[in-house]
């Protein structure tokens, strides 16, 4: 994977060529649920950075992908309602 590579998004996971390559953090998944409830949906994902991470006291490296997600409003915005009384 390289910066700029396109990814797919499905149920909290990032996919490349149909294969799961990463999972969003719980905090990000919760944040996306709030946005989805407001009518947004993930419409695009791409690799932003790929980092090499080495856990302490281990010799192996793990590739960590940082991705950008694009969201689009799928439902029209609902106009705000006002709760007030008018006396004539």
PDB file of N, CA and C in Angstrom:
ATOM      1  N   UNK A   1       0.826  -1.177   0.000  1.00  0.00           N
ATOM      2  CA  UNK A   1       0.000   0.000   0.000  1.00  0.00           C
ATOM      3  C   UNK A   1       0.869   1.240   0.000  1.00  0.00           C
ATOM      4  N   UNK A   2       0.335   2.257  -0.668  1.00  0.00           N
ATOM      5  CA  UNK A   2       1.040   3.535  -0.743  1.00  0.00           C
ATOM      6  C   UNK A   2       0.055   4.675  -0.563  1.00  0.00           C
ATOM      7  N   UNK A   3       0.572   5.824  -0.218  1.00  0.00           N
ATOM      8  CA  UNK A   3      -0.279   7.002  -0.095  1.00  0.00           C
ATOM      9  C   UNK A   3      -1.039   7.227  -1.388  1.00  0.00           C
ATOM     10  N   UNK A   4      -2.319   7.522  -1.241  1.00  0.00           N
ATOM     11  CA  UNK A   4      -3.159   7.767  -2.404  1.00  0.00           C
ATOM     12  C   UNK A   4      -3.920   6.553  -2.899  1.00  0.00           C
ATOM     13  N   UNK A   5      -3.559   5.364  -2.427  1.00  0.00           N
ATOM     14  CA  UNK A   5      -4.280   4.148  -2.839  1.00  0.00           C
ATOM     15  C   UNK A   5      -5.724   4.231  -2.358  1.00  0.00           C
ATOM     16  N   UNK A   6      -6.644   3.861  -3.214  1.00  0.00           N
ATOM     17  CA  UNK A   6      -8.067   3.869  -2.877  1.00  0.00           C
ATOM     18  C   UNK A   6      -8.400   2.670  -1.998  1.00  0.00           C
ATOM     19  N   UNK A   7      -9.308   2.905  -1.056  1.00  0.00           N
ATOM     20  CA  UNK A   7      -9.784   1.864  -0.170  1.00  0.00           C
ATOM     21  C   UNK A   7     -11.298   1.838  -0.200  1.00  0.00           C
ATOM     22  N   UNK A   8     -11.853   0.743   0.269  1.00  0.00           N
ATOM     23  CA  UNK A   8     -13.292   0.643   0.466  1.00  0.00           C
ATOM     24  C   UNK A   8     -13.547   0.663   1.964  1.00  0.00           C
ATOM     25  N   UNK A   9     -14.771   1.036   2.334  1.00  0.00           N
ATOM     26  CA  UNK A   9     -15.156   1.081   3.743  1.00  0.00           C
ATOM     27  C   UNK A   9     -16.420   0.263   3.925  1.00  0.00           C
ATOM     28  N   UNK A  10     -16.429  -0.582   4.974  1.00  0.00           N
ATOM     29  CA  UNK A  10     -17.608  -1.384   5.261  1.00  0.00           C
ATOM     30  C   UNK A  10     -17.642  -1.731   6.744  1.00  0.00           C
ATOM     31  N   UNK A  11     -18.685  -1.270   7.412  1.00  0.00           N
ATOM     32  CA  UNK A  11     -18.944  -1.637   8.817  1.00  0.00           C
ATOM     33  C   UNK A  11     -17.741  -1.482   9.737  1.00  0.00           C
ATOM     34  N   UNK A  12     -17.054  -0.346   9.649  1.00  0.00           N
ATOM     35  CA  UNK A  12     -15.936  -0.083  10.546  1.00  0.00           C
ATOM     36  C   UNK A  12     -14.600  -0.630  10.089  1.00  0.00           C
ATOM     37  N   UNK A  13     -14.556  -1.234   8.915  1.00  0.00           N
ATOM     38  CA  UNK A  13     -13.313  -1.802   8.394  1.00  0.00           C
ATOM     39  C   UNK A  13     -12.913  -1.116   7.095  1.00  0.00           C
ATOM     40  N   UNK A  14     -11.606  -1.023   6.877  1.00  0.00           N
ATOM     41  CA  UNK A  14     -11.064  -0.559   5.608  1.00  0.00           C
ATOM     42  C   UNK A  14     -10.646  -1.783   4.810  1.00  0.00           C
ATOM     43  N   UNK A  15     -10.973  -1.764   3.518  1.00  0.00           N
ATOM     44  CA  UNK A  15     -10.696  -2.914   2.666  1.00  0.00           C
ATOM     45  C   UNK A  15      -9.878  -2.491   1.450  1.00  0.00           C
ATOM     46  N   UNK A  16      -8.992  -3.380   1.041  1.00  0.00           N
ATOM     47  CA  UNK A  16      -8.228  -3.193  -0.183  1.00  0.00           C
ATOM     48  C   UNK A  16      -8.407  -4.450  -1.009  1.00  0.00           C
ATOM     49  N   UNK A  17      -8.946  -4.285  -2.202  1.00  0.00           N
ATOM     50  CA  UNK A  17      -9.227  -5.424  -3.092  1.00  0.00           C
ATOM     51  C   UNK A  17     -10.117  -6.459  -2.418  1.00  0.00           C
ATOM     52  N   UNK A  18     -11.079  -5.983  -1.632  1.00  0.00           N
ATOM     53  CA  UNK A  18     -12.032  -6.861  -0.982  1.00  0.00           C
ATOM     54  C   UNK A  18     -11.539  -7.519   0.291  1.00  0.00           C
ATOM     55  N   UNK A  19     -10.295  -7.266   0.681  1.00  0.00           N
ATOM     56  CA  UNK A  19      -9.708  -7.881   1.868  1.00  0.00           C
ATOM     57  C   UNK A  19      -9.563  -6.842   2.977  1.00  0.00           C
ATOM     58  N   UNK A  20      -9.966  -7.217   4.191  1.00  0.00           N
ATOM     59  CA  UNK A  20      -9.845  -6.303   5.328  1.00  0.00           C
ATOM     60  C   UNK A  20      -8.369  -6.030   5.627  1.00  0.00           C
ATOM     61  N   UNK A  21      -8.035  -4.744   5.689  1.00  0.00           N
ATOM     62  CA  UNK A  21      -6.658  -4.380   6.009  1.00  0.00           C
ATOM     63  C   UNK A  21      -6.563  -3.586   7.302  1.00  0.00           C
ATOM     64  N   UNK A  22      -7.692  -3.130   7.812  1.00  0.00           N
ATOM     65  CA  UNK A  22      -7.648  -2.357   9.042  1.00  0.00           C
ATOM     66  C   UNK A  22      -9.033  -2.130   9.604  1.00  0.00           C
ATOM     67  N   UNK A  23      -9.043  -1.790  10.887  1.00  0.00           N
ATOM     68  CA  UNK A  23     -10.297  -1.511  11.581  1.00  0.00           C
ATOM     69  C   UNK A  23     -10.193  -0.130  12.202  1.00  0.00           C
ATOM     70  N   UNK A  24     -11.276   0.621  12.138  1.00  0.00           N
ATOM     71  CA  UNK A  24     -11.290   1.934  12.761  1.00  0.00           C
ATOM     72  C   UNK A  24     -11.304   1.786  14.277  1.00  0.00           C
ATOM     73  N   UNK A  25     -10.768   2.771  14.952  1.00  0.00           N
ATOM     74  CA  UNK A  25     -10.787   2.754  16.415  1.00  0.00           C
ATOM     75  C   UNK A  25     -12.237   2.823  16.894  1.00  0.00           C
ATOM     76  N   UNK A  26     -12.461   2.400  18.125  1.00  0.00           N
ATOM     77  CA  UNK A  26     -13.810   2.469  18.682  1.00  0.00           C
ATOM     78  C   UNK A  26     -14.310   3.907  18.725  1.00  0.00           C
ATOM     79  N   UNK A  27     -13.427   4.850  19.043  1.00  0.00           N
ATOM     80  CA  UNK A  27     -13.822   6.257  19.089  1.00  0.00           C
ATOM     81  C   UNK A  27     -14.267   6.742  17.710  1.00  0.00           C
ATOM     82  N   UNK A  28     -13.555   6.352  16.667  1.00  0.00           N
ATOM     83  CA  UNK A  28     -13.928   6.771  15.314  1.00  0.00           C
ATOM     84  C   UNK A  28     -15.207   6.085  14.865  1.00  0.00           C
ATOM     85  N   UNK A  29     -15.377   4.833  15.241  1.00  0.00           N
ATOM     86  CA  UNK A  29     -16.616   4.132  14.888  1.00  0.00           C
ATOM     87  C   UNK A  29     -17.813   4.812  15.546  1.00  0.00           C
ATOM     88  N   UNK A  30     -17.664   5.224  16.814  1.00  0.00           N
ATOM     89  CA  UNK A  30     -18.737   5.940  17.505  1.00  0.00           C
ATOM     90  C   UNK A  30     -19.025   7.276  16.839  1.00  0.00           C
ATOM     91  N   UNK A  31     -17.969   7.959  16.444  1.00  0.00           N
ATOM     92  CA  UNK A  31     -18.127   9.258  15.766  1.00  0.00           C
ATOM     93  C   UNK A  31     -18.867   9.104  14.438  1.00  0.00           C
ATOM     94  N   UNK A  32     -18.520   8.060  13.690  1.00  0.00           N
ATOM     95  CA  UNK A  32     -19.196   7.806  12.415  1.00  0.00           C
ATOM     96  C   UNK A  32     -20.664   7.450  12.619  1.00  0.00           C
ATOM     97  N   UNK A  33     -20.993   6.743  13.702  1.00  0.00           N
ATOM     98  CA  UNK A  33     -22.396   6.414  13.980  1.00  0.00           C
ATOM     99  C   UNK A  33     -23.215   7.688  14.162  1.00  0.00           C
ATOM    100  N   UNK A  34     -22.646   8.661  14.856  1.00  0.00           N
ATOM    101  CA  UNK A  34     -23.329   9.938  15.056  1.00  0.00           C
ATOM    102  C   UNK A  34     -23.538  10.632  13.713  1.00  0.00           C
ATOM    103  N   UNK A  35     -22.509  10.648  12.878  1.00  0.00           N
ATOM    104  CA  UNK A  35     -22.626  11.283  11.563  1.00  0.00           C
ATOM    105  C   UNK A  35     -23.609  10.542  10.667  1.00  0.00           C
ATOM    106  N   UNK A  36     -23.618   9.210  10.730  1.00  0.00           N
ATOM    107  CA  UNK A  36     -24.569   8.431   9.932  1.00  0.00           C
ATOM    108  C   UNK A  36     -25.996   8.711  10.373  1.00  0.00           C
ATOM    109  N   UNK A  37     -26.196   8.909  11.670  1.00  0.00           N
ATOM    110  CA  UNK A  37     -27.530   9.245  12.179  1.00  0.00           C
ATOM    111  C   UNK A  37     -27.989  10.612  11.679  1.00  0.00           C
ATOM    112  N   UNK A  38     -27.032  11.462  11.328  1.00  0.00           N
ATOM    113  CA  UNK A  38     -27.351  12.793  10.780  1.00  0.00           C
ATOM    114  C   UNK A  38     -27.481  12.773   9.254  1.00  0.00           C
ATOM    115  N   UNK A  39     -27.379  11.590   8.670  1.00  0.00           N
ATOM    116  CA  UNK A  39     -27.599  11.469   7.233  1.00  0.00           C
ATOM    117  C   UNK A  39     -26.353  11.373   6.386  1.00  0.00           C
ATOM    118  N   UNK A  40     -25.180  11.273   6.997  1.00  0.00           N
ATOM    119  CA  UNK A  40     -23.938  11.169   6.233  1.00  0.00           C
ATOM    120  C   UNK A  40     -23.552   9.714   6.025  1.00  0.00           C
ATOM    121  N   UNK A  41     -22.794   9.463   4.954  1.00  0.00           N
ATOM    122  CA  UNK A  41     -22.275   8.124   4.674  1.00  0.00           C
ATOM    123  C   UNK A  41     -20.863   8.257   4.121  1.00  0.00           C
ATOM    124  N   UNK A  42     -20.014   7.274   4.409  1.00  0.00           N
ATOM    125  CA  UNK A  42     -18.657   7.263   3.862  1.00  0.00           C
ATOM    126  C   UNK A  42     -18.757   6.949   2.373  1.00  0.00           C
ATOM    127  N   UNK A  43     -18.244   7.845   1.549  1.00  0.00           N
ATOM    128  CA  UNK A  43     -18.333   7.672   0.099  1.00  0.00           C
ATOM    129  C   UNK A  43     -16.977   7.434  -0.553  1.00  0.00           C
ATOM    130  N   UNK A  44     -15.896   7.669   0.193  1.00  0.00           N
ATOM    131  CA  UNK A  44     -14.565   7.487  -0.381  1.00  0.00           C
ATOM    132  C   UNK A  44     -13.568   7.297   0.753  1.00  0.00           C
ATOM    133  N   UNK A  45     -12.551   6.506   0.506  1.00  0.00           N
ATOM    134  CA  UNK A  45     -11.477   6.310   1.475  1.00  0.00           C
ATOM    135  C   UNK A  45     -10.179   6.111   0.704  1.00  0.00           C
ATOM    136  N   UNK A  46      -9.104   6.666   1.258  1.00  0.00           N
ATOM    137  CA  UNK A  46      -7.800   6.468   0.629  1.00  0.00           C
ATOM    138  C   UNK A  46      -6.700   6.504   1.681  1.00  0.00           C
ATOM    139  N   UNK A  47      -5.595   5.847   1.358  1.00  0.00           N
ATOM    140  CA  UNK A  47      -4.447   5.805   2.257  1.00  0.00           C
ATOM    141  C   UNK A  47      -3.804   7.186   2.269  1.00  0.00           C
ATOM    142  N   UNK A  48      -3.598   7.705   3.465  1.00  0.00           N
ATOM    143  CA  UNK A  48      -2.928   8.993   3.609  1.00  0.00           C
ATOM    144  C   UNK A  48      -1.438   8.772   3.884  1.00  0.00           C
ATOM    145  N   UNK A  49      -1.138   7.962   4.888  1.00  0.00           N
ATOM    146  CA  UNK A  49       0.238   7.639   5.257  1.00  0.00           C
ATOM    147  C   UNK A  49       0.324   6.167   5.642  1.00  0.00           C
ATOM    148  N   UNK A  50       1.500   5.594   5.444  1.00  0.00           N
ATOM    149  CA  UNK A  50       1.793   4.253   5.945  1.00  0.00           C
ATOM    150  C   UNK A  50       3.036   4.386   6.827  1.00  0.00           C
ATOM    151  N   UNK A  51       2.884   3.972   8.080  1.00  0.00           N
ATOM    152  CA  UNK A  51       3.969   4.079   9.051  1.00  0.00           C
ATOM    153  C   UNK A  51       4.467   2.703   9.444  1.00  0.00           C
ATOM    154  N   UNK A  52       5.741   2.603   9.755  1.00  0.00           N
ATOM    155  CA  UNK A  52       6.295   1.368  10.305  1.00  0.00           C
ATOM    156  C   UNK A  52       6.335   1.525  11.817  1.00  0.00           C
ATOM    157  N   UNK A  53       5.679   0.623  12.517  1.00  0.00           N
ATOM    158  CA  UNK A  53       5.620   0.684  13.977  1.00  0.00           C
ATOM    159  C   UNK A  53       6.238  -0.576  14.534  1.00  0.00           C
ATOM    160  N   UNK A  54       7.104  -0.406  15.498  1.00  0.00           N
ATOM    161  CA  UNK A  54       7.753  -1.551  16.131  1.00  0.00           C
ATOM    162  C   UNK A  54       7.391  -1.547  17.620  1.00  0.00           C
ATOM    163  N   UNK A  55       6.650  -2.585  18.073  1.00  0.00           N
ATOM    164  CA  UNK A  55       6.342  -2.678  19.501  1.00  0.00           C
ATOM    165  C   UNK A  55       7.621  -2.798  20.321  1.00  0.00           C
ATOM    166  N   UNK A  56       7.573  -2.272  21.539  1.00  0.00           N
ATOM    167  CA  UNK A  56       8.747  -2.353  22.416  1.00  0.00           C
ATOM    168  C   UNK A  56       9.150  -3.805  22.639  1.00  0.00           C
ATOM    169  N   UNK A  57      10.438  -4.008  22.695  1.00  0.00           N
ATOM    170  CA  UNK A  57      11.024  -5.316  22.988  1.00  0.00           C
ATOM    171  C   UNK A  57      10.638  -6.391  21.973  1.00  0.00           C
ATOM    172  N   UNK A  58      10.355  -5.977  20.742  1.00  0.00           N
ATOM    173  CA  UNK A  58      10.078  -6.936  19.672  1.00  0.00           C
ATOM    174  C   UNK A  58      10.894  -6.551  18.452  1.00  0.00           C
ATOM    175  N   UNK A  59      11.215  -7.534  17.655  1.00  0.00           N
ATOM    176  CA  UNK A  59      12.011  -7.283  16.455  1.00  0.00           C
ATOM    177  C   UNK A  59      11.166  -7.046  15.212  1.00  0.00           C
ATOM    178  N   UNK A  60       9.904  -7.355  15.290  1.00  0.00           N
ATOM    179  CA  UNK A  60       9.061  -7.233  14.092  1.00  0.00           C
ATOM    180  C   UNK A  60       8.492  -5.816  13.968  1.00  0.00           C
ATOM    181  N   UNK A  61       8.236  -5.416  12.736  1.00  0.00           N
ATOM    182  CA  UNK A  61       7.587  -4.131  12.451  1.00  0.00           C
ATOM    183  C   UNK A  61       6.191  -4.388  11.929  1.00  0.00           C
ATOM    184  N   UNK A  62       5.300  -3.480  12.232  1.00  0.00           N
ATOM    185  CA  UNK A  62       3.925  -3.566  11.767  1.00  0.00           C
ATOM    186  C   UNK A  62       3.639  -2.328  10.924  1.00  0.00           C
ATOM    187  N   UNK A  63       3.046  -2.531   9.763  1.00  0.00           N
ATOM    188  CA  UNK A  63       2.647  -1.402   8.921  1.00  0.00           C
ATOM    189  C   UNK A  63       1.322  -0.860   9.432  1.00  0.00           C
ATOM    190  N   UNK A  64       1.288   0.431   9.735  1.00  0.00           N
ATOM    191  CA  UNK A  64       0.082   1.099  10.207  1.00  0.00           C
ATOM    192  C   UNK A  64      -0.348   2.080   9.130  1.00  0.00           C
ATOM    193  N   UNK A  65      -1.569   1.931   8.654  1.00  0.00           N
ATOM    194  CA  UNK A  65      -2.099   2.824   7.613  1.00  0.00           C
ATOM    195  C   UNK A  65      -2.979   3.882   8.245  1.00  0.00           C
ATOM    196  N   UNK A  66      -2.748   5.122   7.870  1.00  0.00           N
ATOM    197  CA  UNK A  66      -3.615   6.220   8.265  1.00  0.00           C
ATOM    198  C   UNK A  66      -4.414   6.602   7.030  1.00  0.00           C
ATOM    199  N   UNK A  67      -5.715   6.643   7.167  1.00  0.00           N
ATOM    200  CA  UNK A  67      -6.576   6.854   5.998  1.00  0.00           C
ATOM    201  C   UNK A  67      -7.395   8.128   6.134  1.00  0.00           C
ATOM    202  N   UNK A  68      -7.757   8.676   5.004  1.00  0.00           N
ATOM    203  CA  UNK A  68      -8.702   9.780   4.934  1.00  0.00           C
ATOM    204  C   UNK A  68     -10.041   9.212   4.482  1.00  0.00           C
ATOM    205  N   UNK A  69     -11.106   9.597   5.173  1.00  0.00           N
ATOM    206  CA  UNK A  69     -12.449   9.187   4.792  1.00  0.00           C
ATOM    207  C   UNK A  69     -13.208  10.414   4.311  1.00  0.00           C
ATOM    208  N   UNK A  70     -13.942  10.267   3.223  1.00  0.00           N
ATOM    209  CA  UNK A  70     -14.809  11.342   2.727  1.00  0.00           C
ATOM    210  C   UNK A  70     -16.247  10.939   3.002  1.00  0.00           C
ATOM    211  N   UNK A  71     -17.015  11.875   3.557  1.00  0.00           N
ATOM    212  CA  UNK A  71     -18.422  11.625   3.857  1.00  0.00           C
ATOM    213  C   UNK A  71     -19.280  12.579   3.041  1.00  0.00           C
ATOM    214  N   UNK A  72     -20.454  12.085   2.654  1.00  0.00           N
ATOM    215  CA  UNK A  72     -21.402  12.883   1.884  1.00  0.00           C
ATOM    216  C   UNK A  72     -22.758  12.766   2.544  1.00  0.00           C
ATOM    217  N   UNK A  73     -23.477  13.875   2.588  1.00  0.00           N
ATOM    218  CA  UNK A  73     -24.833  13.836   3.142  1.00  0.00           C
ATOM    219  C   UNK A  73     -25.722  13.120   2.144  1.00  0.00           C
ATOM    220  N   UNK A  74     -26.331  12.032   2.606  1.00  0.00           N
ATOM    221  CA  UNK A  74     -27.171  11.215   1.731  1.00  0.00           C
ATOM    222  C   UNK A  74     -28.648  11.570   1.850  1.00  0.00           C
ATOM    223  N   UNK A  75     -29.050  12.190   2.949  1.00  0.00           N
ATOM    224  CA  UNK A  75     -30.436  12.608   3.121  1.00  0.00           C
ATOM    225  C   UNK A  75     -30.470  14.125   3.200  1.00  0.00           C
ATOM    226  N   UNK A  76     -31.539  14.735   2.702  1.00  0.00           N
ATOM    227  CA  UNK A  76     -31.596  16.201   2.747  1.00  0.00           C
ATOM    228  C   UNK A  76     -31.638  16.688   4.191  1.00  0.00           C
ATOM    229  N   UNK A  77     -31.076  17.856   4.368  1.00  0.00           N
ATOM    230  CA  UNK A  77     -31.071  18.454   5.702  1.00  0.00           C
ATOM    231  C   UNK A  77     -32.501  18.774   6.133  1.00  0.00           C
ATOM    232  N   UNK A  78     -32.796  18.503   7.372  1.00  0.00           N
ATOM    233  CA  UNK A  78     -34.117  18.793   7.916  1.00  0.00           C
ATOM    234  C   UNK A  78     -34.067  20.190   8.521  1.00  0.00           C
ATOM    235  N   UNK A  79     -34.994  21.071   8.126  1.00  0.00           N
ATOM    236  CA  UNK A  79     -34.947  22.427   8.686  1.00  0.00           C
ATOM    237  C   UNK A  79     -35.244  22.384  10.180  1.00  0.00           C
ATOM    238  N   UNK A  80     -34.583  23.241  10.941  1.00  0.00           N
ATOM    239  CA  UNK A  80     -34.829  23.235  12.390  1.00  0.00           C
ATOM    240  C   UNK A  80     -36.250  23.673  12.698  1.00  0.00           C
ATOM    241  N   UNK A  81     -36.805  23.107  13.747  1.00  0.00           N
ATOM    242  CA  UNK A  81     -38.148  23.502  14.177  1.00  0.00           C
ATOM    243  C   UNK A  81     -38.013  24.458  15.350  1.00  0.00           C
ATOM    244  N   UNK A  82     -38.947  25.353  15.467  1.00  0.00           N
ATOM    245  CA  UNK A  82     -38.918  26.318  16.551  1.00  0.00           C
ATOM    246  C   UNK A  82     -40.079  26.053  17.494  1.00  0.00           C
ATOM    247  N   UNK A  83     -39.802  26.054  18.760  1.00  0.00           N
ATOM    248  CA  UNK A  83     -40.843  25.897  19.767  1.00  0.00           C
ATOM    249  C   UNK A  83     -41.060  27.256  20.404  1.00  0.00           C
ATOM    250  N   UNK A  84     -42.096  27.936  19.953  1.00  0.00           N
ATOM    251  CA  UNK A  84     -42.404  29.238  20.559  1.00  0.00           C
ATOM    252  C   UNK A  84     -43.882  29.522  20.395  1.00  0.00           C
ATOM    253  N   UNK A  85     -44.370  30.472  21.159  1.00  0.00           N
ATOM    254  CA  UNK A  85     -45.783  30.853  21.124  1.00  0.00           C
ATOM    255  C   UNK A  85     -45.870  32.326  20.760  1.00  0.00           C
ATOM    256  N   UNK A  86     -46.799  32.625  19.895  1.00  0.00           N
ATOM    257  CA  UNK A  86     -47.040  34.007  19.511  1.00  0.00           C
ATOM    258  C   UNK A  86     -48.405  34.408  19.999  1.00  0.00           C
ATOM    259  N   UNK A  87     -48.476  35.510  20.723  1.00  0.00           N
ATOM    260  CA  UNK A  87     -49.763  36.036  21.208  1.00  0.00           C
ATOM    261  C   UNK A  87     -50.161  37.217  20.349  1.00  0.00           C
ATOM    262  N   UNK A  88     -51.404  37.206  19.860  1.00  0.00           N
ATOM    263  CA  UNK A  88     -51.887  38.323  19.051  1.00  0.00           C
ATOM    264  C   UNK A  88     -52.941  39.098  19.781  1.00  0.00           C
TER     265      UNK A  88
END
